[in-house]
Structures are given as structure tokens and as C-alpha cells.
Amino acid sequence: MSPAPAEGARLSLSTAAARRLATTTKTAPQMREITPRHLLRALPWVEVNGTYRVNRRLTLTPGDGRVSFVSTGAQVRVIPAELRELPSLRGFGDDRVLDALASRFVQQNLAPDQRIPPAQVVLIAHGKVARTGGREYGGEGLVRVLADGDHLGDLTDPGETSARTLTSAIVLLLPRAALDELRTRFDALRRHLTGLSARPPVKRPVNRYGEAEIALAAGHQGEAVLPGTFVDYELEPREYELSVAQTILRVHTRVADLYNEPMNQTQQQLRLTIEALRERQEHELVNNREFGLLHNADLSQRIHTRTGPPTPDDLDELLSRRRSSHYFLAHPRAIAAFGRQCTQRRLYPGTTEIDGTRVMAWRGVPILPCDKIPITADGRSSIIVMRTGTEKQGVVGLRRTGLDDEHEPGVSVRFAGINDKAIISYLVTTYHSAAVLVPDALGVLENVEVC
């Protein structure tokens, strides 16, 4: 008779020991970095052989500029050369005069809901300022929200007095007396400003977009003399070169030879590498300083939130600045902040289906989540709106397909040899860029508070 087992002893093979001899059911390698990448799916892609040129109608009026500042502790100063962003100083070449002008600006730290003191020029170094105007039946209405780098007034046109701060703000004021003193002191400045006032108006008229106008006749009768015209083009149109994202994938031959069951190790390594490459591609399309959407929006298409968090009013303002809009792009936290604002107003945004996924929509325009839009340390982000497609004169993606050793559209995987350590190398490459065909195709809502 066999002895009874000791108390606590196992009566059968443990699962841990049995697993050594069993074939487990396993997943393919997982990766947290993979996101929906809505932007890559939303953009219509144009095939480019190297360079993509955007030809536009000639624009005769310069765009609005923003002024930059430098700070030392609590003291803020305007960079003298940046004063050329003021309309009356565009092309002015005397740096000595610009230095003197910059030194005459007086810093003012203003509290929220405080009137801007009267001055010839007001530069907004930090914070938000509302420019207001009188309404027909009394009271004031909001004309525009200004923020960091914007300005009120000019050297030939006094600053608006009907402006107040929405937040705590730092502004630099140029008193009228200081400007008069500099005009007397510097002949170059006096001649420049006098020339501006005496200069005849531009002979060639422009439309409301600043483009050279096409002369037309309408409503005439009889044998009226018709105007002659032509459509002028930009002499130096912008050209976009394809950017590249690359890496070298390395796989040891021993791994590729001996550990390819039940999953091909090389294929799994390649799959995850391409996923990371696609994520970087979308990041570049949003953040690249040369062609990224955040940096290529025209200054006239950049607006600021009225209060801080993104509100329905802010998104309506974005939509009103273009003839049609196809998509919003926002960080998920910005979408959540917008949802909270809608809830406070008892509004319930609709939804729409994009690639089989239900997403929030505003005024019928889908709000696509994109975590590549950055959030600053103080909880500020941006919301992008865009119209897409060449037929709509919108935003398009640029790429090159048909590459040698193409693994999927726009991604090539080339064998790059085996080194003396028996490591196989593969060169993984994709080419991409984005182009904005006309300025109103892309807009950005800046300084969006998401906290």
C-alpha cells in the first residue's frame, strides 16, 4: 500500500510545468503607438515625381505680419527688425531708426477686462485683446480677438481706442508724442512716412482677397466699350519638395532562420516598423515647419478663442472664414474640452461615420481626433479645419508610389545586405509632404485651453 501524500503536496502535473511541453496560442506583437491616423486617410493624395508647384493668381497686397519680442525677467522688448511687420514699415531699411523706435515703446501690464490706453501703436506681447466696435442700435460688438504678436494701429494710422483685454495681458505702447519726436529727429523716417501719405494709390485694383482684379463689365447696354484684362500669376510660386522618412531594419539571420514559426519574424518586425513610420509621417504632416499644417496656415486664417476653452462660437468663426470645410482635426483632449462647453450650453453635437467609426461633428463637419497636435505645458493646443482636394482648391497630401521594392503604396522595403555579424538589413522609406492650394483652405484655432 502506497503512503498517503504529504499535506500540501501536488497530486498532478502543474500547469507551469505542462506549459513547457504545450503549444501556446499567441497574438502577433502588439504596439501602443498605433493610432487611427485619420489625417492620412482624410487627405487626398497627389502623385509627385519630385517637386510640386502651386501656381496662384498674383497677390498684390502683403499679408498681415506678427511681431516678435524678447524678454528679460519681467521686462519685454520688441525686436527692432520685427517692426517691419507693421504695414507702414515694410521694406524700411534704416536699422538705426528701428532701434530708436523699439526703445520708445512703453510696457504696460494690464488686468483682465481693462481698456487699452490710447497710443499710436499697440503691440500685444502676451494675452488676448478684443477689438470692439459700436453697434447700430447701441452697445459694443466684438470685431476681432487679437493675441501674441498682433498689433493695433500703425505709424500712419492711430491705434484703436475701442479695445479691451480678455485676459491678463502685456502690451507695448508707442505714444504719439514719441513718434512725433522721432519724425523730427530722423529725416529717413519722415521722408518714408511722408512718401506713404503722398504716394498715389495702387494703379491696379485688387479684389477683397488682395489678388489683381480681373476687369469685367456688367449691366451695360448698347455698344459699350468693354474693358480689356488678363489674369496675372505669381512670378515665384511656391514649390514643395517631398520629405523623406527612413529607417534601417535589422534582423539576425539566426532569428529569421530558426524562429519563423508560427509567425514570420521578419514580417512582424517589418509590420511594426511601417506602423511607426506611418505615425511619424502623420506627425510631420501636422508639425513640420516647412509643410506641416500648423505652420502653413495663412496668418489671416489664424484666430484665437474668445475665452480660453473651445466653444461653439469659436468653431463657427473657423467655419465662416472659408467657403467650405471638410474636416476638423483636434487633440482628443481638445475634443473633450469642446464637449464640456457644449454640455454647459445644453447643446448636443451630432455624429458622423468616418471609416466605420462614429466621430463627433459640428455643423455637419467631422471632428477627427489627432494626438499629433501638440499640447503645451500650460494646457494649450490648436484645432485645425481644412478643405481638401484639388477640385475644391483645398489641402492635398503629396507622395510618390511605384517605388522599387514597394511593400505598400508609398513605402519601399529594400534589401540592404548582410554584414559580417550575420545581420540582415532592410532600408524602409516613405516620401511625403502636404500643400495648401489657396490660403482659405486651411484654418487654425490657436491657444485652445484643454484643461
Foldseek 3Di string as FASTA:
>chain_A
DDDDDDPPDDPDDDPVVVVVVDDDDDDQDDDPLFDPLVVVVPFAEDEDPWKDFFWDFDFDDDAQWFWAWDDDVPDIFTDLVSLCSFVLNPPPDDSVLSVLQRVQWDKDWDAAFAFDDWAQKKAWQAAKKFAWDADPVGDIDTDAIDGHRDMAHHLQGTGRRRMGGHHTTMMIGRHPVSSVVSLVVDVSVVVSNVCVVVPDPDPFDDDPVRGGDFQADPDDDDDDDTDDGDTHIDPDTDMDGWDKDKDKDKDFVCCQPPPPPPHRPVVSSVVVVVSVSSLVVSLCCQDPCPFHQVNPAGPVQEGEDPRFADELVNVVVNQVLAPGWAAKEDAPLSVVSHVVNCVVVVHDFDWDDDPNDIAGDDPNHGYHHDNSFDADPQAWTKMKIFDHDPVRQTKHKYWHAPDPCAPDGQWHWAWDDADPSRMTIIMIMGIIGMDRNDNSRMHMHTNHHSD
